[in-house]
PDB file of N, CA and C in Angstrom:
ATOM      1  N   MET A   1     -97.507 -15.165  35.011  1.00  0.00           N
ATOM      2  CA  MET A   1     -99.378 -15.104  34.986  1.00  0.00           C
ATOM      3  C   MET A   1    -100.180 -13.755  35.394  1.00  0.00           C
ATOM      4  N   LYS A   2    -100.494 -13.302  34.782  1.00  0.00           N
ATOM      5  CA  LYS A   2    -101.666 -11.947  35.270  1.00  0.00           C
ATOM      6  C   LYS A   2    -102.702 -12.357  35.681  1.00  0.00           C
ATOM      7  N   GLU A   3    -103.592 -12.976  35.165  1.00  0.00           N
ATOM      8  CA  GLU A   3    -104.596 -13.787  35.720  1.00  0.00           C
ATOM      9  C   GLU A   3    -105.610 -14.791  34.630  1.00  0.00           C
ATOM     10  N   ILE A   4    -106.191 -14.932  35.722  1.00  0.00           N
ATOM     11  CA  ILE A   4    -107.230 -16.116  35.111  1.00  0.00           C
ATOM     12  C   ILE A   4    -108.616 -15.876  35.615  1.00  0.00           C
ATOM     13  N   VAL A   5    -108.912 -15.957  34.485  1.00  0.00           N
ATOM     14  CA  VAL A   5    -110.624 -15.213  33.796  1.00  0.00           C
ATOM     15  C   VAL A   5    -111.490 -16.004  33.499  1.00  0.00           C
ATOM     16  N   PRO A   6    -112.326 -16.732  34.128  1.00  0.00           N
ATOM     17  CA  PRO A   6    -113.408 -17.734  33.321  1.00  0.00           C
ATOM     18  C   PRO A   6    -114.480 -16.587  32.346  1.00  0.00           C
ATOM     19  N   PHE A   7    -114.558 -17.987  30.867  1.00  0.00           N
ATOM     20  CA  PHE A   7    -115.013 -17.250  29.839  1.00  0.00           C
ATOM     21  C   PHE A   7    -116.253 -18.310  29.290  1.00  0.00           C
ATOM     22  N   LEU A   8    -117.148 -17.487  29.802  1.00  0.00           N
ATOM     23  CA  LEU A   8    -118.630 -18.273  28.946  1.00  0.00           C
ATOM     24  C   LEU A   8    -119.403 -17.316  27.536  1.00  0.00           C
ATOM     25  N   ASN A   9    -119.190 -18.537  27.009  1.00  0.00           N
ATOM     26  CA  ASN A   9    -120.239 -18.521  25.934  1.00  0.00           C
ATOM     27  C   ASN A   9    -121.947 -19.115  25.958  1.00  0.00           C
ATOM     28  N   PHE A  10    -122.693 -18.302  24.963  1.00  0.00           N
ATOM     29  CA  PHE A  10    -123.968 -18.676  25.147  1.00  0.00           C
ATOM     30  C   PHE A  10    -124.418 -18.136  23.436  1.00  0.00           C
ATOM     31  N   ASP A  11    -126.010 -19.431  23.180  1.00  0.00           N
ATOM     32  CA  ASP A  11    -126.335 -19.121  22.342  1.00  0.00           C
ATOM     33  C   ASP A  11    -127.022 -17.969  21.893  1.00  0.00           C
ATOM     34  N   GLY A  12    -126.667 -17.197  21.744  1.00  0.00           N
ATOM     35  CA  GLY A  12    -127.758 -16.172  21.157  1.00  0.00           C
ATOM     36  C   GLY A  12    -128.240 -15.111  22.160  1.00  0.00           C
ATOM     37  N   ASN A  13    -128.176 -15.214  23.476  1.00  0.00           N
ATOM     38  CA  ASN A  13    -128.533 -14.554  24.800  1.00  0.00           C
ATOM     39  C   ASN A  13    -127.783 -14.405  25.569  1.00  0.00           C
ATOM     40  N   CYS A  14    -126.489 -13.788  25.509  1.00  0.00           N
ATOM     41  CA  CYS A  14    -125.421 -13.384  26.437  1.00  0.00           C
ATOM     42  C   CYS A  14    -125.862 -11.904  26.936  1.00  0.00           C
ATOM     43  N   PHE A  15    -125.869 -10.955  26.488  1.00  0.00           N
ATOM     44  CA  PHE A  15    -126.933  -9.433  26.713  1.00  0.00           C
ATOM     45  C   PHE A  15    -127.960 -10.456  28.009  1.00  0.00           C
ATOM     46  N   ASP A  16    -128.898 -10.665  27.763  1.00  0.00           N
ATOM     47  CA  ASP A  16    -129.611 -11.582  29.061  1.00  0.00           C
ATOM     48  C   ASP A  16    -128.814 -12.055  30.001  1.00  0.00           C
ATOM     49  N   ALA A  17    -128.728 -12.654  29.648  1.00  0.00           N
ATOM     50  CA  ALA A  17    -127.354 -13.915  31.012  1.00  0.00           C
ATOM     51  C   ALA A  17    -126.893 -12.572  31.547  1.00  0.00           C
ATOM     52  N   GLY A  18    -126.585 -11.533  31.268  1.00  0.00           N
ATOM     53  CA  GLY A  18    -125.739 -10.624  31.849  1.00  0.00           C
ATOM     54  C   GLY A  18    -126.211  -9.809  32.966  1.00  0.00           C
ATOM     55  N   LEU A  19    -127.684  -9.789  32.609  1.00  0.00           N
ATOM     56  CA  LEU A  19    -128.644  -9.003  33.189  1.00  0.00           C
ATOM     57  C   LEU A  19    -128.897  -9.640  35.127  1.00  0.00           C
ATOM     58  N   PHE A  20    -128.259 -10.891  35.102  1.00  0.00           N
ATOM     59  CA  PHE A  20    -128.305 -11.747  36.408  1.00  0.00           C
ATOM     60  C   PHE A  20    -127.559 -11.695  37.652  1.00  0.00           C
ATOM     61  N   LEU A  21    -126.703 -10.830  36.175  1.00  0.00           N
ATOM     62  CA  LEU A  21    -125.375 -10.851  37.618  1.00  0.00           C
ATOM     63  C   LEU A  21    -125.045  -9.368  38.328  1.00  0.00           C
ATOM     64  N   LEU A  22    -124.784  -9.825  39.418  1.00  0.00           N
ATOM     65  CA  LEU A  22    -124.855  -8.901  40.296  1.00  0.00           C
ATOM     66  C   LEU A  22    -123.150  -7.483  39.820  1.00  0.00           C
ATOM     67  N   PRO A  23    -123.867  -6.173  40.736  1.00  0.00           N
ATOM     68  CA  PRO A  23    -122.888  -5.414  40.039  1.00  0.00           C
ATOM     69  C   PRO A  23    -121.630  -5.288  40.624  1.00  0.00           C
ATOM     70  N   ASP A  24    -122.459  -6.190  42.097  1.00  0.00           N
ATOM     71  CA  ASP A  24    -120.760  -6.054  43.151  1.00  0.00           C
ATOM     72  C   ASP A  24    -120.760  -7.442  42.762  1.00  0.00           C
ATOM     73  N   SER A  25    -119.982  -8.430  41.800  1.00  0.00           N
ATOM     74  CA  SER A  25    -120.149  -9.688  41.710  1.00  0.00           C
ATOM     75  C   SER A  25    -118.779  -9.572  40.575  1.00  0.00           C
ATOM     76  N   GLU A  26    -118.214 -10.441  41.033  1.00  0.00           N
ATOM     77  CA  GLU A  26    -116.701 -10.518  40.112  1.00  0.00           C
ATOM     78  C   GLU A  26    -117.751 -11.398  38.530  1.00  0.00           C
ATOM     79  N   VAL A  27    -116.988 -10.350  37.307  1.00  0.00           N
ATOM     80  CA  VAL A  27    -118.138 -10.574  36.394  1.00  0.00           C
ATOM     81  C   VAL A  27    -116.758 -11.360  35.714  1.00  0.00           C
ATOM     82  N   PRO A  28    -117.418 -13.296  34.822  1.00  0.00           N
ATOM     83  CA  PRO A  28    -116.856 -13.506  33.784  1.00  0.00           C
ATOM     84  C   PRO A  28    -116.458 -12.614  32.748  1.00  0.00           C
ATOM     85  N   MET A  29    -115.228 -13.219  31.579  1.00  0.00           N
ATOM     86  CA  MET A  29    -115.774 -12.763  29.933  1.00  0.00           C
ATOM     87  C   MET A  29    -116.935 -13.559  29.623  1.00  0.00           C
ATOM     88  N   ALA A  30    -117.755 -12.998  28.423  1.00  0.00           N
ATOM     89  CA  ALA A  30    -118.665 -13.588  28.137  1.00  0.00           C
ATOM     90  C   ALA A  30    -118.872 -13.132  26.523  1.00  0.00           C
ATOM     91  N   SER A  31    -119.461 -13.893  25.753  1.00  0.00           N
ATOM     92  CA  SER A  31    -119.587 -13.381  24.479  1.00  0.00           C
ATOM     93  C   SER A  31    -121.034 -14.488  23.887  1.00  0.00           C
ATOM     94  N   ASP A  32    -121.222 -14.423  22.983  1.00  0.00           N
ATOM     95  CA  ASP A  32    -122.329 -15.248  22.205  1.00  0.00           C
ATOM     96  C   ASP A  32    -121.505 -16.283  20.996  1.00  0.00           C
ATOM     97  N   ASN A  33    -121.287 -17.315  20.874  1.00  0.00           N
ATOM     98  CA  ASN A  33    -120.795 -17.894  20.135  1.00  0.00           C
ATOM     99  C   ASN A  33    -121.237 -17.833  18.713  1.00  0.00           C
ATOM    100  N   MET A  34    -119.752 -18.477  18.040  1.00  0.00           N
ATOM    101  CA  MET A  34    -119.932 -18.008  16.246  1.00  0.00           C
ATOM    102  C   MET A  34    -121.253 -18.960  15.825  1.00  0.00           C
ATOM    103  N   PRO A  35    -122.155 -18.038  15.144  1.00  0.00           N
ATOM    104  CA  PRO A  35    -123.210 -18.406  14.663  1.00  0.00           C
ATOM    105  C   PRO A  35    -122.577 -19.836  13.631  1.00  0.00           C
ATOM    106  N   GLY A  36    -123.833 -20.515  13.939  1.00  0.00           N
ATOM    107  CA  GLY A  36    -123.565 -22.072  13.051  1.00  0.00           C
ATOM    108  C   GLY A  36    -123.056 -22.775  14.199  1.00  0.00           C
ATOM    109  N   VAL A  37    -122.095 -22.186  15.064  1.00  0.00           N
ATOM    110  CA  VAL A  37    -121.757 -23.038  16.421  1.00  0.00           C
ATOM    111  C   VAL A  37    -122.839 -23.511  18.102  1.00  0.00           C
ATOM    112  N   PRO A  38    -123.197 -24.964  17.781  1.00  0.00           N
ATOM    113  CA  PRO A  38    -124.613 -24.669  19.082  1.00  0.00           C
ATOM    114  C   PRO A  38    -123.487 -24.556  20.684  1.00  0.00           C
ATOM    115  N   VAL A  39    -124.064 -24.499  21.031  1.00  0.00           N
ATOM    116  CA  VAL A  39    -123.858 -24.272  22.885  1.00  0.00           C
ATOM    117  C   VAL A  39    -124.282 -25.563  23.123  1.00  0.00           C
ATOM    118  N   GLN A  40    -123.305 -26.551  23.717  1.00  0.00           N
ATOM    119  CA  GLN A  40    -123.854 -27.388  24.786  1.00  0.00           C
ATOM    120  C   GLN A  40    -122.807 -27.722  25.779  1.00  0.00           C
ATOM    121  N   PRO A  41    -123.817 -27.928  26.769  1.00  0.00           N
ATOM    122  CA  PRO A  41    -123.283 -28.792  27.721  1.00  0.00           C
ATOM    123  C   PRO A  41    -121.728 -28.693  27.581  1.00  0.00           C
ATOM    124  N   GLY A  42    -120.692 -28.073  28.828  1.00  0.00           N
ATOM    125  CA  GLY A  42    -119.273 -28.491  28.082  1.00  0.00           C
ATOM    126  C   GLY A  42    -118.913 -27.983  27.313  1.00  0.00           C
ATOM    127  N   ASN A  43    -119.353 -27.237  26.271  1.00  0.00           N
ATOM    128  CA  ASN A  43    -118.625 -26.158  25.217  1.00  0.00           C
ATOM    129  C   ASN A  43    -118.324 -25.387  25.550  1.00  0.00           C
ATOM    130  N   ASN A  44    -118.921 -24.775  26.564  1.00  0.00           N
ATOM    131  CA  ASN A  44    -119.836 -23.048  26.920  1.00  0.00           C
ATOM    132  C   ASN A  44    -118.876 -22.396  27.675  1.00  0.00           C
ATOM    133  N   LEU A  45    -117.691 -23.588  28.233  1.00  0.00           N
ATOM    134  CA  LEU A  45    -116.916 -22.501  29.192  1.00  0.00           C
ATOM    135  C   LEU A  45    -115.396 -22.307  29.053  1.00  0.00           C
ATOM    136  N   ALA A  46    -114.799 -21.714  29.025  1.00  0.00           N
ATOM    137  CA  ALA A  46    -113.182 -22.000  29.107  1.00  0.00           C
ATOM    138  C   ALA A  46    -112.257 -20.820  30.236  1.00  0.00           C
ATOM    139  N   VAL A  47    -111.108 -21.640  30.144  1.00  0.00           N
ATOM    140  CA  VAL A  47    -109.886 -20.460  30.974  1.00  0.00           C
ATOM    141  C   VAL A  47    -109.145 -19.427  30.317  1.00  0.00           C
ATOM    142  N   MET A  48    -109.802 -18.264  30.659  1.00  0.00           N
ATOM    143  CA  MET A  48    -109.040 -17.367  29.642  1.00  0.00           C
ATOM    144  C   MET A  48    -107.702 -17.659  30.498  1.00  0.00           C
ATOM    145  N   VAL A  49    -106.653 -17.272  29.985  1.00  0.00           N
ATOM    146  CA  VAL A  49    -105.413 -17.161  31.131  1.00  0.00           C
ATOM    147  C   VAL A  49    -104.584 -15.654  30.506  1.00  0.00           C
ATOM    148  N   HIS A  50    -104.180 -14.511  30.990  1.00  0.00           N
ATOM    149  CA  HIS A  50    -103.737 -13.743  30.876  1.00  0.00           C
ATOM    150  C   HIS A  50    -102.272 -14.054  31.138  1.00  0.00           C
ATOM    151  N   CYS A  51    -101.365 -13.958  30.113  1.00  0.00           N
ATOM    152  CA  CYS A  51    -100.136 -13.827  30.726  1.00  0.00           C
ATOM    153  C   CYS A  51     -98.904 -13.468  30.241  1.00  0.00           C
ATOM    154  N   GLU A  52     -97.626 -13.120  30.384  1.00  0.00           N
ATOM    155  CA  GLU A  52     -96.746 -11.995  30.340  1.00  0.00           C
ATOM    156  C   GLU A  52     -95.954 -11.936  29.661  1.00  0.00           C
ATOM    157  N   SER A  53     -95.814 -13.561  28.333  1.00  0.00           N
ATOM    158  CA  SER A  53     -94.985 -12.874  27.551  1.00  0.00           C
ATOM    159  C   SER A  53     -95.550 -14.597  26.706  1.00  0.00           C
ATOM    160  N   LEU A  54     -94.749 -14.398  25.402  1.00  0.00           N
ATOM    161  CA  LEU A  54     -95.405 -15.420  24.672  1.00  0.00           C
ATOM    162  C   LEU A  54     -94.697 -16.989  24.990  1.00  0.00           C
ATOM    163  N   GLN A  55     -93.350 -16.795  25.429  1.00  0.00           N
ATOM    164  CA  GLN A  55     -92.439 -18.171  25.901  1.00  0.00           C
ATOM    165  C   GLN A  55     -93.393 -18.454  27.692  1.00  0.00           C
ATOM    166  N   GLU A  56     -94.454 -17.693  27.976  1.00  0.00           N
ATOM    167  CA  GLU A  56     -95.359 -18.468  29.054  1.00  0.00           C
ATOM    168  C   GLU A  56     -96.275 -19.604  28.436  1.00  0.00           C
ATOM    169  N   ILE A  57     -96.780 -18.440  27.529  1.00  0.00           N
ATOM    170  CA  ILE A  57     -98.205 -19.005  26.280  1.00  0.00           C
ATOM    171  C   ILE A  57     -97.550 -20.731  25.866  1.00  0.00           C
ATOM    172  N   ASP A  58     -96.111 -20.309  25.378  1.00  0.00           N
ATOM    173  CA  ASP A  58     -95.665 -21.718  24.881  1.00  0.00           C
ATOM    174  C   ASP A  58     -96.082 -23.049  26.064  1.00  0.00           C
ATOM    175  N   GLY A  59     -94.954 -22.055  27.414  1.00  0.00           N
ATOM    176  CA  GLY A  59     -94.565 -23.056  27.912  1.00  0.00           C
ATOM    177  C   GLY A  59     -96.098 -24.004  29.076  1.00  0.00           C
ATOM    178  N   LEU A  60     -96.685 -22.971  29.201  1.00  0.00           N
ATOM    179  CA  LEU A  60     -98.730 -23.305  29.437  1.00  0.00           C
ATOM    180  C   LEU A  60     -99.159 -23.799  28.403  1.00  0.00           C
ATOM    181  N   PHE A  61     -98.937 -24.210  27.485  1.00  0.00           N
ATOM    182  CA  PHE A  61    -100.199 -24.430  26.210  1.00  0.00           C
ATOM    183  C   PHE A  61     -99.208 -26.147  26.233  1.00  0.00           C
ATOM    184  N   ALA A  62     -98.633 -26.465  26.482  1.00  0.00           N
ATOM    185  CA  ALA A  62     -97.439 -27.748  26.162  1.00  0.00           C
ATOM    186  C   ALA A  62     -97.536 -27.917  27.347  1.00  0.00           C
ATOM    187  N   ALA A  63     -98.178 -27.539  28.387  1.00  0.00           N
ATOM    188  CA  ALA A  63     -98.706 -28.297  30.185  1.00  0.00           C
ATOM    189  C   ALA A  63     -99.880 -28.788  30.039  1.00  0.00           C
ATOM    190  N   LEU A  64    -100.702 -27.651  29.320  1.00  0.00           N
ATOM    191  CA  LEU A  64    -102.231 -27.877  29.689  1.00  0.00           C
ATOM    192  C   LEU A  64    -103.387 -28.101  28.063  1.00  0.00           C
ATOM    193  N   GLY A  65    -102.212 -27.872  27.731  1.00  0.00           N
ATOM    194  CA  GLY A  65    -103.208 -27.832  25.857  1.00  0.00           C
ATOM    195  C   GLY A  65    -104.412 -28.087  25.588  1.00  0.00           C
ATOM    196  N   ARG A  66    -104.309 -29.673  26.159  1.00  0.00           N
ATOM    197  CA  ARG A  66    -104.911 -30.400  25.423  1.00  0.00           C
ATOM    198  C   ARG A  66    -105.313 -31.325  26.950  1.00  0.00           C
ATOM    199  N   GLU A  67    -105.075 -30.982  28.557  1.00  0.00           N
ATOM    200  CA  GLU A  67    -105.049 -31.704  29.506  1.00  0.00           C
ATOM    201  C   GLU A  67    -106.745 -31.200  30.049  1.00  0.00           C
ATOM    202  N   PHE A  68    -107.072 -32.321  30.880  1.00  0.00           N
ATOM    203  CA  PHE A  68    -108.429 -32.215  32.061  1.00  0.00           C
ATOM    204  C   PHE A  68    -109.652 -31.413  31.457  1.00  0.00           C
ATOM    205  N   GLY A  69    -109.680 -31.865  30.179  1.00  0.00           N
ATOM    206  CA  GLY A  69    -111.201 -31.842  29.567  1.00  0.00           C
ATOM    207  C   GLY A  69    -111.390 -30.070  29.556  1.00  0.00           C
ATOM    208  N   VAL A  70    -110.914 -29.361  29.204  1.00  0.00           N
ATOM    209  CA  VAL A  70    -110.668 -27.709  29.886  1.00  0.00           C
ATOM    210  C   VAL A  70    -110.071 -27.276  27.866  1.00  0.00           C
ATOM    211  N   ARG A  71    -111.429 -26.075  27.806  1.00  0.00           N
ATOM    212  CA  ARG A  71    -111.348 -25.195  26.623  1.00  0.00           C
ATOM    213  C   ARG A  71    -109.631 -24.081  27.401  1.00  0.00           C
ATOM    214  N   TRP A  72    -108.205 -23.746  27.188  1.00  0.00           N
ATOM    215  CA  TRP A  72    -108.236 -23.132  27.365  1.00  0.00           C
ATOM    216  C   TRP A  72    -107.671 -21.882  26.249  1.00  0.00           C
ATOM    217  N   MET A  73    -107.413 -20.852  26.886  1.00  0.00           N
ATOM    218  CA  MET A  73    -107.295 -19.543  26.097  1.00  0.00           C
ATOM    219  C   MET A  73    -106.234 -18.877  26.316  1.00  0.00           C
ATOM    220  N   PHE A  74    -105.344 -18.419  25.724  1.00  0.00           N
ATOM    221  CA  PHE A  74    -103.963 -17.957  26.099  1.00  0.00           C
ATOM    222  C   PHE A  74    -104.115 -17.000  25.539  1.00  0.00           C
ATOM    223  N   ASN A  75    -103.901 -16.085  26.109  1.00  0.00           N
ATOM    224  CA  ASN A  75    -103.737 -14.840  26.244  1.00  0.00           C
ATOM    225  C   ASN A  75    -102.302 -14.060  26.261  1.00  0.00           C
ATOM    226  N   PHE A  76    -102.078 -12.905  25.274  1.00  0.00           N
ATOM    227  CA  PHE A  76    -100.853 -11.760  25.735  1.00  0.00           C
ATOM    228  C   PHE A  76    -100.626 -10.782  24.772  1.00  0.00           C
ATOM    229  N   ALA A  77    -101.033  -9.209  25.515  1.00  0.00           N
ATOM    230  CA  ALA A  77    -101.010  -8.483  24.582  1.00  0.00           C
ATOM    231  C   ALA A  77     -99.107  -7.575  24.808  1.00  0.00           C
ATOM    232  N   HIS A  78     -99.208  -7.637  23.409  1.00  0.00           N
ATOM    233  CA  HIS A  78     -97.493  -7.251  22.992  1.00  0.00           C
ATOM    234  C   HIS A  78     -97.881  -5.329  23.346  1.00  0.00           C
ATOM    235  N   PRO A  79     -97.021  -5.166  24.155  1.00  0.00           N
ATOM    236  CA  PRO A  79     -96.569  -3.714  24.239  1.00  0.00           C
ATOM    237  C   PRO A  79     -96.529  -3.236  22.942  1.00  0.00           C
ATOM    238  N   GLN A  80     -97.123  -1.847  23.047  1.00  0.00           N
ATOM    239  CA  GLN A  80     -97.076  -0.557  22.432  1.00  0.00           C
ATOM    240  C   GLN A  80     -95.779  -0.222  21.596  1.00  0.00           C
ATOM    241  N   GLN A  81     -95.780  -0.122  20.891  1.00  0.00           N
ATOM    242  CA  GLN A  81     -94.424   0.903  20.859  1.00  0.00           C
ATOM    243  C   GLN A  81     -94.751   2.050  19.899  1.00  0.00           C
ATOM    244  N   ALA A  82     -93.624   2.977  20.788  1.00  0.00           N
ATOM    245  CA  ALA A  82     -93.441   4.335  19.917  1.00  0.00           C
ATOM    246  C   ALA A  82     -93.298   5.049  19.277  1.00  0.00           C
TER     247      ALA A  82
END
């Protein structure tokens, strides 16, 4: 596991919310929700886990996929081929 990052969703005001973050603070990842998907308390936070392999994603999803009432996002960047 490379990194765990909080991921925040906003209801069309992501940019405005970013203005309140201090430049020296650890900034979470953030975006606006998809159009038509309302933001409600509890569905506006996910935990993004940057993984080192697809096998790690499979293991973490099997262990955590629907646990703890958390929305999990598992990410893996395939190595670039020359």
